[in-house]
Amino acid sequence: RSTECFNACRNHRNLLKWLDFFVNEGLIDHTISGYSFAHDQIKLAVYCLIPEKERGLWHLQLGIHLCVNAEKITPSENIFFLAVGQLNRGALFVTDKHQKMEMANLNVRAGKK
């Protein structure tokens, strides 16, 4: 079912449908500020579903998404730090020299804040 969910969630409407499903099942909580796992063990179990060799790539993709959409999500420094942290966790998947320089610049910027 996780593969089905992942593929379906590429569409925003489907993502909201799946989030509602998981809320109804008690796996995640929906608050004013967003969604969170109902329990740390659920979060860990979901993370363990991602093959270990792919986890860094997931972190990198999440970091890129957060960087690109940070201002749309919320104008907060917390999102910036979260994005840089995710990028760092996926750094092994960055092979392009220019992307590595951009990541270094983001880390310097985060260090100055």
Foldseek 3Di string as FASTA:
>chain_A
DVVVLVVQVVDVVSVVVVVVVCVVVQQWPQDPLGIDGNDVVSVVVVLVVPPPVCQLVVLLVVLVVLVVCVVVSPPDVVSLVSSLVSNVSNVVVDDDPVVVVVSVVSVVVNVVD
